[in-house]
C-alpha atoms as a PDB file:
ATOM      1  CA  MET A   1     -30.094   9.273 -13.372  1.00  0.00           C
ATOM      2  CA  PRO A   2     -27.955   8.534 -16.452  1.00  0.00           C
ATOM      3  CA  LEU A   3     -27.144   4.969 -17.451  1.00  0.00           C
ATOM      4  CA  VAL A   4     -23.703   5.110 -19.064  1.00  0.00           C
ATOM      5  CA  LEU A   5     -22.645   2.335 -21.460  1.00  0.00           C
ATOM      6  CA  VAL A   6     -18.996   1.657 -22.311  1.00  0.00           C
ATOM      7  CA  HIS A   7     -17.996  -0.835 -25.008  1.00  0.00           C
ATOM      8  CA  GLY A   8     -14.726  -2.660 -25.593  1.00  0.00           C
ATOM      9  CA  ASN A   9     -12.613  -4.212 -28.349  1.00  0.00           C
ATOM     10  CA  PRO A  10     -13.067  -4.243 -31.318  1.00  0.00           C
ATOM     11  CA  GLU A  11     -16.333  -2.358 -31.013  1.00  0.00           C
ATOM     12  CA  THR A  12     -18.326   0.851 -31.401  1.00  0.00           C
ATOM     13  CA  PRO A  13     -21.520   1.986 -29.616  1.00  0.00           C
ATOM     14  CA  ALA A  14     -23.474   0.133 -32.318  1.00  0.00           C
ATOM     15  CA  ILE A  15     -23.278  -3.058 -30.226  1.00  0.00           C
ATOM     16  CA  TRP A  16     -25.734  -1.455 -27.766  1.00  0.00           C
ATOM     17  CA  HIS A  17     -28.306  -0.125 -30.233  1.00  0.00           C
ATOM     18  CA  ASP A  18     -30.738  -3.046 -30.189  1.00  0.00           C
ATOM     19  CA  MET A  19     -30.609  -3.400 -26.409  1.00  0.00           C
ATOM     20  CA  ILE A  20     -31.132   0.308 -25.723  1.00  0.00           C
ATOM     21  CA  GLU A  21     -34.658  -0.027 -27.111  1.00  0.00           C
ATOM     22  CA  HIS A  22     -35.488  -2.411 -24.260  1.00  0.00           C
ATOM     23  CA  LEU A  23     -33.889  -0.470 -21.402  1.00  0.00           C
ATOM     24  CA  ASP A  24     -36.130   1.280 -18.891  1.00  0.00           C
ATOM     25  CA  ALA A  25     -33.643   4.100 -18.300  1.00  0.00           C
ATOM     26  CA  ASP A  26     -34.794   7.458 -19.654  1.00  0.00           C
ATOM     27  CA  ASP A  27     -31.265   8.837 -20.018  1.00  0.00           C
ATOM     28  CA  VAL A  28     -28.798   6.484 -21.738  1.00  0.00           C
ATOM     29  CA  VAL A  29     -25.318   7.721 -22.625  1.00  0.00           C
ATOM     30  CA  THR A  30     -22.839   5.747 -24.736  1.00  0.00           C
ATOM     31  CA  LEU A  31     -19.126   6.467 -24.375  1.00  0.00           C
ATOM     32  CA  SER A  32     -16.514   5.394 -26.911  1.00  0.00           C
ATOM     33  CA  PRO A  33     -12.990   4.771 -25.588  1.00  0.00           C
ATOM     34  CA  PRO A  34     -10.281   6.492 -27.654  1.00  0.00           C
ATOM     35  CA  GLY A  35      -9.400   4.381 -30.665  1.00  0.00           C
ATOM     36  CA  PHE A  36     -12.534   2.273 -30.382  1.00  0.00           C
ATOM     37  CA  GLY A  37     -15.004   4.335 -32.365  1.00  0.00           C
ATOM     38  CA  ALA A  38     -13.520   7.644 -31.179  1.00  0.00           C
ATOM     39  CA  PRO A  39     -10.432   9.680 -32.132  1.00  0.00           C
ATOM     40  CA  VAL A  40      -7.179   9.107 -30.245  1.00  0.00           C
ATOM     41  CA  PRO A  41      -6.008  12.321 -28.556  1.00  0.00           C
ATOM     42  CA  ASP A  42      -2.426  13.398 -29.094  1.00  0.00           C
ATOM     43  CA  GLY A  43      -0.185  11.778 -26.504  1.00  0.00           C
ATOM     44  CA  PHE A  44      -2.776   9.234 -25.376  1.00  0.00           C
ATOM     45  CA  GLY A  45      -0.929   6.096 -24.264  1.00  0.00           C
ATOM     46  CA  ALA A  46      -3.835   3.607 -24.630  1.00  0.00           C
ATOM     47  CA  THR A  47      -2.818   1.590 -21.566  1.00  0.00           C
ATOM     48  CA  SER A  48      -5.329   0.277 -19.059  1.00  0.00           C
ATOM     49  CA  ASP A  49      -4.360   3.116 -16.716  1.00  0.00           C
ATOM     50  CA  ASP A  50      -4.901   5.652 -19.495  1.00  0.00           C
ATOM     51  CA  TYR A  51      -8.386   4.298 -20.176  1.00  0.00           C
ATOM     52  CA  LEU A  52      -9.209   4.481 -16.478  1.00  0.00           C
ATOM     53  CA  ASP A  53      -8.186   8.138 -16.482  1.00  0.00           C
ATOM     54  CA  TRP A  54     -10.191   8.723 -19.663  1.00  0.00           C
ATOM     55  CA  LEU A  55     -13.372   7.215 -18.192  1.00  0.00           C
ATOM     56  CA  VAL A  56     -12.979   9.101 -14.921  1.00  0.00           C
ATOM     57  CA  GLY A  57     -12.677  12.324 -16.918  1.00  0.00           C
ATOM     58  CA  GLU A  58     -15.806  11.529 -18.920  1.00  0.00           C
ATOM     59  CA  LEU A  59     -17.827  10.724 -15.803  1.00  0.00           C
ATOM     60  CA  GLU A  60     -16.689  13.899 -14.081  1.00  0.00           C
ATOM     61  CA  ASN A  61     -18.352  15.808 -16.928  1.00  0.00           C
ATOM     62  CA  ILE A  62     -21.710  14.047 -16.494  1.00  0.00           C
ATOM     63  CA  ASP A  63     -24.222  15.190 -13.905  1.00  0.00           C
ATOM     64  CA  GLY A  64     -24.064  12.119 -11.684  1.00  0.00           C
ATOM     65  CA  PRO A  65     -23.546   9.843  -9.950  1.00  0.00           C
ATOM     66  CA  VAL A  66     -24.409   7.440 -12.755  1.00  0.00           C
ATOM     67  CA  ASP A  67     -25.213   3.793 -13.249  1.00  0.00           C
ATOM     68  CA  LEU A  68     -22.243   2.426 -15.205  1.00  0.00           C
ATOM     69  CA  LEU A  69     -22.385  -0.592 -17.528  1.00  0.00           C
ATOM     70  CA  GLY A  70     -19.357  -1.943 -19.360  1.00  0.00           C
ATOM     71  CA  HIS A  71     -18.853  -4.749 -21.873  1.00  0.00           C
ATOM     72  CA  ASP A  72     -15.557  -6.462 -22.720  1.00  0.00           C
ATOM     73  CA  TRP A  73     -12.713  -4.000 -22.059  1.00  0.00           C
ATOM     74  CA  GLY A  74     -15.394  -1.440 -21.275  1.00  0.00           C
ATOM     75  CA  GLY A  75     -16.241  -3.736 -18.377  1.00  0.00           C
ATOM     76  CA  GLY A  76     -12.612  -3.695 -17.326  1.00  0.00           C
ATOM     77  CA  HIS A  77     -12.632   0.105 -17.287  1.00  0.00           C
ATOM     78  CA  VAL A  78     -15.908   0.085 -15.344  1.00  0.00           C
ATOM     79  CA  MET A  79     -14.530  -2.253 -12.697  1.00  0.00           C
ATOM     80  CA  ARG A  80     -11.495  -0.058 -12.245  1.00  0.00           C
ATOM     81  CA  VAL A  81     -13.740   2.981 -11.724  1.00  0.00           C
ATOM     82  CA  ALA A  82     -15.783   1.003  -9.201  1.00  0.00           C
ATOM     83  CA  MET A  83     -12.605   0.154  -7.299  1.00  0.00           C
ATOM     84  CA  ASN A  84     -10.952   3.584  -7.552  1.00  0.00           C
ATOM     85  CA  ARG A  85     -13.656   6.252  -7.927  1.00  0.00           C
ATOM     86  CA  PRO A  86     -16.929   4.963  -6.451  1.00  0.00           C
ATOM     87  CA  ASP A  87     -17.932   8.575  -5.759  1.00  0.00           C
ATOM     88  CA  LEU A  88     -18.703   8.935  -9.482  1.00  0.00           C
ATOM     89  CA  ILE A  89     -21.238   6.114  -9.659  1.00  0.00           C
ATOM     90  CA  ARG A  90     -24.403   4.848  -8.027  1.00  0.00           C
ATOM     91  CA  SER A  91     -23.885   1.299  -9.304  1.00  0.00           C
ATOM     92  CA  TRP A  92     -21.789  -0.752 -11.705  1.00  0.00           C
ATOM     93  CA  ILE A  93     -22.453  -3.615 -14.124  1.00  0.00           C
ATOM     94  CA  MET A  94     -19.873  -5.565 -16.118  1.00  0.00           C
ATOM     95  CA  ASP A  95     -19.467  -8.891 -17.915  1.00  0.00           C
ATOM     96  CA  ILE A  96     -15.766  -9.836 -17.733  1.00  0.00           C
ATOM     97  CA  ALA A  97     -15.363 -10.419 -14.007  1.00  0.00           C
ATOM     98  CA  GLY A  98     -13.482 -13.665 -14.550  1.00  0.00           C
ATOM     99  CA  CYS A  99     -10.584 -11.702 -16.055  1.00  0.00           C
ATOM    100  CA  PHE A 100      -9.803 -10.346 -12.581  1.00  0.00           C
ATOM    101  CA  ASP A 101      -9.387 -13.798 -11.031  1.00  0.00           C
ATOM    102  CA  PRO A 102      -5.811 -14.906 -10.240  1.00  0.00           C
ATOM    103  CA  GLU A 103      -6.303 -18.044 -12.351  1.00  0.00           C
ATOM    104  CA  TYR A 104      -7.422 -16.181 -15.474  1.00  0.00           C
ATOM    105  CA  VAL A 105      -5.373 -16.862 -18.620  1.00  0.00           C
ATOM    106  CA  TRP A 106      -5.716 -14.470 -21.546  1.00  0.00           C
ATOM    107  CA  HIS A 107      -7.430 -15.973 -24.593  1.00  0.00           C
ATOM    108  CA  ASP A 108      -5.403 -16.917 -27.659  1.00  0.00           C
ATOM    109  CA  ALA A 109      -6.039 -13.715 -29.627  1.00  0.00           C
ATOM    110  CA  ALA A 110      -5.017 -11.571 -26.661  1.00  0.00           C
ATOM    111  CA  GLN A 111      -1.827 -13.567 -26.169  1.00  0.00           C
ATOM    112  CA  GLY A 112      -1.046 -13.003 -29.835  1.00  0.00           C
ATOM    113  CA  TRP A 113      -1.535  -9.241 -29.474  1.00  0.00           C
ATOM    114  CA  GLN A 114       0.714  -9.296 -26.424  1.00  0.00           C
ATOM    115  CA  THR A 115       3.546 -10.939 -28.401  1.00  0.00           C
ATOM    116  CA  ASP A 116       6.032  -8.748 -30.280  1.00  0.00           C
ATOM    117  CA  GLY A 117       5.801  -9.255 -34.006  1.00  0.00           C
ATOM    118  CA  VAL A 118       2.850 -11.620 -33.849  1.00  0.00           C
ATOM    119  CA  GLY A 119       0.607  -8.844 -32.543  1.00  0.00           C
ATOM    120  CA  GLU A 120       1.690  -6.366 -35.191  1.00  0.00           C
ATOM    121  CA  GLU A 121       0.968  -8.870 -37.945  1.00  0.00           C
ATOM    122  CA  ALA A 122      -2.428  -9.760 -36.485  1.00  0.00           C
ATOM    123  CA  VAL A 123      -3.751  -6.222 -36.151  1.00  0.00           C
ATOM    124  CA  ALA A 124      -2.353  -5.207 -39.535  1.00  0.00           C
ATOM    125  CA  ALA A 125      -4.226  -8.107 -41.130  1.00  0.00           C
ATOM    126  CA  MET A 126      -7.406  -7.133 -39.298  1.00  0.00           C
ATOM    127  CA  ALA A 127      -7.203  -3.450 -40.259  1.00  0.00           C
ATOM    128  CA  GLY A 128      -6.246  -4.229 -43.842  1.00  0.00           C
ATOM    129  CA  ALA A 129      -8.908  -6.853 -44.550  1.00  0.00           C
ATOM    130  CA  PRO A 130     -11.637  -6.014 -47.089  1.00  0.00           C
ATOM    131  CA  LEU A 131     -14.672  -4.352 -45.520  1.00  0.00           C
ATOM    132  CA  GLU A 132     -16.994  -7.188 -46.492  1.00  0.00           C
ATOM    133  CA  ALA A 133     -14.693  -9.748 -44.891  1.00  0.00           C
ATOM    134  CA  LYS A 134     -14.587  -7.797 -41.640  1.00  0.00           C
ATOM    135  CA  GLU A 135     -18.367  -7.484 -41.603  1.00  0.00           C
ATOM    136  CA  ALA A 136     -18.772 -11.227 -42.115  1.00  0.00           C
ATOM    137  CA  GLN A 137     -16.199 -12.016 -39.433  1.00  0.00           C
ATOM    138  CA  PHE A 138     -17.835  -9.854 -36.766  1.00  0.00           C
ATOM    139  CA  GLU A 139     -21.308 -11.087 -37.593  1.00  0.00           C
ATOM    140  CA  GLY A 140     -20.027 -14.658 -37.403  1.00  0.00           C
ATOM    141  CA  LEU A 141     -18.602 -13.965 -33.948  1.00  0.00           C
ATOM    142  CA  GLY A 142     -22.014 -12.919 -32.642  1.00  0.00           C
ATOM    143  CA  MET A 143     -22.615  -9.261 -33.438  1.00  0.00           C
ATOM    144  CA  SER A 144     -25.842  -8.223 -35.124  1.00  0.00           C
ATOM    145  CA  LYS A 145     -25.613  -7.459 -38.821  1.00  0.00           C
ATOM    146  CA  ASP A 146     -25.915  -3.700 -38.246  1.00  0.00           C
ATOM    147  CA  ALA A 147     -23.380  -3.706 -35.426  1.00  0.00           C
ATOM    148  CA  ALA A 148     -20.928  -5.791 -37.468  1.00  0.00           C
ATOM    149  CA  LYS A 149     -21.226  -3.336 -40.347  1.00  0.00           C
ATOM    150  CA  ASP A 150     -20.566  -0.336 -38.097  1.00  0.00           C
ATOM    151  CA  VAL A 151     -17.653  -1.972 -36.289  1.00  0.00           C
ATOM    152  CA  ALA A 152     -16.055  -3.153 -39.538  1.00  0.00           C
ATOM    153  CA  ALA A 153     -16.079   0.402 -40.876  1.00  0.00           C
ATOM    154  CA  ALA A 154     -14.333   1.608 -37.701  1.00  0.00           C
ATOM    155  CA  VAL A 155     -11.475  -0.903 -37.778  1.00  0.00           C
ATOM    156  CA  ASN A 156      -8.433   1.080 -38.855  1.00  0.00           C
ATOM    157  CA  ASP A 157      -4.815   1.750 -37.916  1.00  0.00           C
ATOM    158  CA  ASP A 158      -5.850   3.662 -34.777  1.00  0.00           C
ATOM    159  CA  ILE A 159      -7.779   0.748 -33.302  1.00  0.00           C
ATOM    160  CA  ALA A 160      -4.935  -1.588 -34.290  1.00  0.00           C
ATOM    161  CA  ALA A 161      -2.386   0.477 -32.392  1.00  0.00           C
ATOM    162  CA  CYS A 162      -4.644   0.839 -29.351  1.00  0.00           C
ATOM    163  CA  ILE A 163      -5.318  -2.903 -29.214  1.00  0.00           C
ATOM    164  CA  LEU A 164      -1.599  -3.628 -28.925  1.00  0.00           C
ATOM    165  CA  LYS A 165      -0.955  -0.979 -26.288  1.00  0.00           C
ATOM    166  CA  LEU A 166      -3.991  -1.886 -24.190  1.00  0.00           C
ATOM    167  CA  TYR A 167      -3.466  -5.641 -24.171  1.00  0.00           C
ATOM    168  CA  ARG A 168       0.262  -5.392 -23.610  1.00  0.00           C
ATOM    169  CA  SER A 169      -0.329  -3.095 -20.651  1.00  0.00           C
ATOM    170  CA  ALA A 170      -2.629  -5.747 -19.170  1.00  0.00           C
ATOM    171  CA  ALA A 171      -0.494  -8.855 -19.665  1.00  0.00           C
ATOM    172  CA  GLN A 172      -0.439 -11.071 -16.602  1.00  0.00           C
ATOM    173  CA  PRO A 173       0.191 -10.665 -13.741  1.00  0.00           C
ATOM    174  CA  PHE A 174      -1.413  -7.222 -14.243  1.00  0.00           C
ATOM    175  CA  MET A 175      -5.034  -8.433 -14.200  1.00  0.00           C
ATOM    176  CA  ALA A 176      -4.440 -10.700 -11.218  1.00  0.00           C
ATOM    177  CA  GLN A 177      -2.889  -7.786  -9.341  1.00  0.00           C
ATOM    178  CA  LEU A 178      -5.911  -5.608 -10.129  1.00  0.00           C
ATOM    179  CA  GLY A 179      -8.115  -8.398  -8.837  1.00  0.00           C
ATOM    180  CA  GLU A 180      -6.532  -8.111  -5.417  1.00  0.00           C
ATOM    181  CA  SER A 181      -8.550  -4.888  -4.982  1.00  0.00           C
ATOM    182  CA  LEU A 182     -11.942  -6.289  -6.010  1.00  0.00           C
ATOM    183  CA  GLY A 183     -13.194  -5.804  -2.470  1.00  0.00           C
ATOM    184  CA  ASP A 184     -13.002  -2.049  -3.011  1.00  0.00           C
ATOM    185  CA  ALA A 185     -15.873  -2.365  -5.518  1.00  0.00           C
ATOM    186  CA  LYS A 186     -18.189  -3.211  -2.621  1.00  0.00           C
ATOM    187  CA  ALA A 187     -18.477   0.532  -2.047  1.00  0.00           C
ATOM    188  CA  ARG A 188     -21.299   0.563  -4.612  1.00  0.00           C
ATOM    189  CA  PRO A 189     -23.887  -2.066  -5.648  1.00  0.00           C
ATOM    190  CA  GLY A 190     -22.615  -4.210  -8.501  1.00  0.00           C
ATOM    191  CA  LEU A 191     -23.910  -6.750 -11.006  1.00  0.00           C
ATOM    192  CA  VAL A 192     -21.765  -9.321 -12.783  1.00  0.00           C
ATOM    193  CA  ILE A 193     -23.321 -10.608 -16.000  1.00  0.00           C
ATOM    194  CA  ILE A 194     -22.157 -14.075 -17.015  1.00  0.00           C
ATOM    195  CA  ALA A 195     -22.881 -15.202 -20.578  1.00  0.00           C
ATOM    196  CA  THR A 196     -22.329 -18.933 -20.419  1.00  0.00           C
ATOM    197  CA  GLU A 197     -21.010 -19.233 -23.980  1.00  0.00           C
ATOM    198  CA  ASP A 198     -18.511 -16.384 -23.664  1.00  0.00           C
ATOM    199  CA  HIS A 199     -15.175 -18.136 -24.130  1.00  0.00           C
ATOM    200  CA  TYR A 200     -12.967 -15.069 -23.775  1.00  0.00           C
ATOM    201  CA  THR A 201     -13.421 -14.162 -20.106  1.00  0.00           C
ATOM    202  CA  GLY A 202     -12.564 -17.211 -18.011  1.00  0.00           C
ATOM    203  CA  GLY A 203     -15.904 -18.957 -17.600  1.00  0.00           C
ATOM    204  CA  GLU A 204     -18.575 -19.062 -14.933  1.00  0.00           C
ATOM    205  CA  THR A 205     -16.474 -20.329 -12.037  1.00  0.00           C
ATOM    206  CA  LEU A 206     -13.928 -17.525 -12.201  1.00  0.00           C
ATOM    207  CA  ALA A 207     -16.628 -14.899 -12.790  1.00  0.00           C
ATOM    208  CA  ARG A 208     -18.643 -16.037  -9.775  1.00  0.00           C
ATOM    209  CA  ARG A 209     -15.530 -16.010  -7.639  1.00  0.00           C
ATOM    210  CA  SER A 210     -14.731 -12.432  -8.667  1.00  0.00           C
ATOM    211  CA  ALA A 211     -18.344 -11.385  -8.153  1.00  0.00           C
ATOM    212  CA  GLU A 212     -18.272 -12.704  -4.604  1.00  0.00           C
ATOM    213  CA  ARG A 213     -15.048 -10.850  -3.843  1.00  0.00           C
ATOM    214  CA  ALA A 214     -16.572  -7.644  -5.258  1.00  0.00           C
ATOM    215  CA  GLY A 215     -19.822  -8.107  -3.325  1.00  0.00           C
ATOM    216  CA  ALA A 216     -21.809  -8.171  -6.564  1.00  0.00           C
ATOM    217  CA  GLU A 217     -25.017  -9.824  -7.655  1.00  0.00           C
ATOM    218  CA  VAL A 218     -24.827 -12.320 -10.524  1.00  0.00           C
ATOM    219  CA  ALA A 219     -27.051 -12.617 -13.596  1.00  0.00           C
ATOM    220  CA  LEU A 220     -26.574 -15.730 -15.720  1.00  0.00           C
ATOM    221  CA  LEU A 221     -27.378 -15.528 -19.440  1.00  0.00           C
ATOM    222  CA  GLU A 222     -27.633 -19.139 -20.512  1.00  0.00           C
ATOM    223  CA  GLN A 223     -26.568 -20.051 -24.057  1.00  0.00           C
ATOM    224  CA  LEU A 224     -25.490 -16.512 -24.930  1.00  0.00           C
ATOM    225  CA  GLY A 225     -21.980 -15.574 -25.974  1.00  0.00           C
ATOM    226  CA  HIS A 226     -19.637 -12.617 -25.744  1.00  0.00           C
ATOM    227  CA  TRP A 227     -21.991 -10.290 -27.644  1.00  0.00           C
ATOM    228  CA  TRP A 228     -25.064 -11.173 -25.575  1.00  0.00           C
ATOM    229  CA  MET A 229     -26.501  -7.673 -26.023  1.00  0.00           C
ATOM    230  CA  CYS A 230     -26.682  -8.315 -29.780  1.00  0.00           C
ATOM    231  CA  GLN A 231     -27.780 -11.943 -29.620  1.00  0.00           C
ATOM    232  CA  ASP A 232     -30.731 -11.404 -27.261  1.00  0.00           C
ATOM    233  CA  PRO A 233     -31.114  -7.687 -26.541  1.00  0.00           C
ATOM    234  CA  ALA A 234     -34.417  -8.097 -24.703  1.00  0.00           C
ATOM    235  CA  ARG A 235     -33.000 -10.667 -22.265  1.00  0.00           C
ATOM    236  CA  GLY A 236     -29.853  -8.618 -21.762  1.00  0.00           C
ATOM    237  CA  ALA A 237     -31.895  -5.503 -21.029  1.00  0.00           C
ATOM    238  CA  ALA A 238     -34.119  -7.441 -18.627  1.00  0.00           C
ATOM    239  CA  VAL A 239     -31.238  -8.299 -16.297  1.00  0.00           C
ATOM    240  CA  VAL A 240     -30.015  -4.685 -16.396  1.00  0.00           C
ATOM    241  CA  ASN A 241     -33.504  -3.329 -15.763  1.00  0.00           C
ATOM    242  CA  GLY A 242     -34.073  -5.773 -12.911  1.00  0.00           C
ATOM    243  CA  PHE A 243     -30.857  -4.844 -11.174  1.00  0.00           C
ATOM    244  CA  LEU A 244     -31.410  -1.089 -11.501  1.00  0.00           C
ATOM    245  CA  LYS A 245     -35.017  -1.375 -10.345  1.00  0.00           C
ATOM    246  CA  GLY A 246     -33.829  -3.072  -7.160  1.00  0.00           C
ATOM    247  CA  LEU A 247     -31.405  -0.312  -6.187  1.00  0.00           C
END
């Protein structure tokens, strides 16, 4: 049964490479959302709804059902599939459950992207920065050196435009409204990964609350941050392997 991995922002499949070596799954598929390491199709709106439709379309072309793992916005897309199209999956795993809690407040960078003018300046600066500076920034945030290099090379005007459209489509109360349907994710077994040093996704309390509403198990990764799969790929893979083995 395929294990499908979906990354988020600003990322490429390179964030998974070290962890894949430790996964027990024989068939691992990485999917790149449009704009985030993949071309943007003509007419693609890059809203949260558009990415849900994109992921559904990708999964419909895979001989499934699949086990579906998402990180960052990839986790957001995964949760929406779990709530709306459980027929496509055997199980789901994600690491931003706190973002679906009614008390979640978008982090500072996201609020900047959601603000007219400020967002345009921010993404233009990111896309236009020297390659070496982008590599150093992403590595400093917690990506591995190889992942940071790959992601830095992929940061361009397409990803900049998609960041603005995606985050603006998900400005509150959008995420809180999505969270009202978390109970629908109980249709399939779920795992919520909580990296205790991830300061973008609302913290442990909100994540546990969302996990309970979604009927999901919880795996706590102590002292790991947002890019836990880069920081300790063996430990990250262990929680994934353990969950899948128990299905």
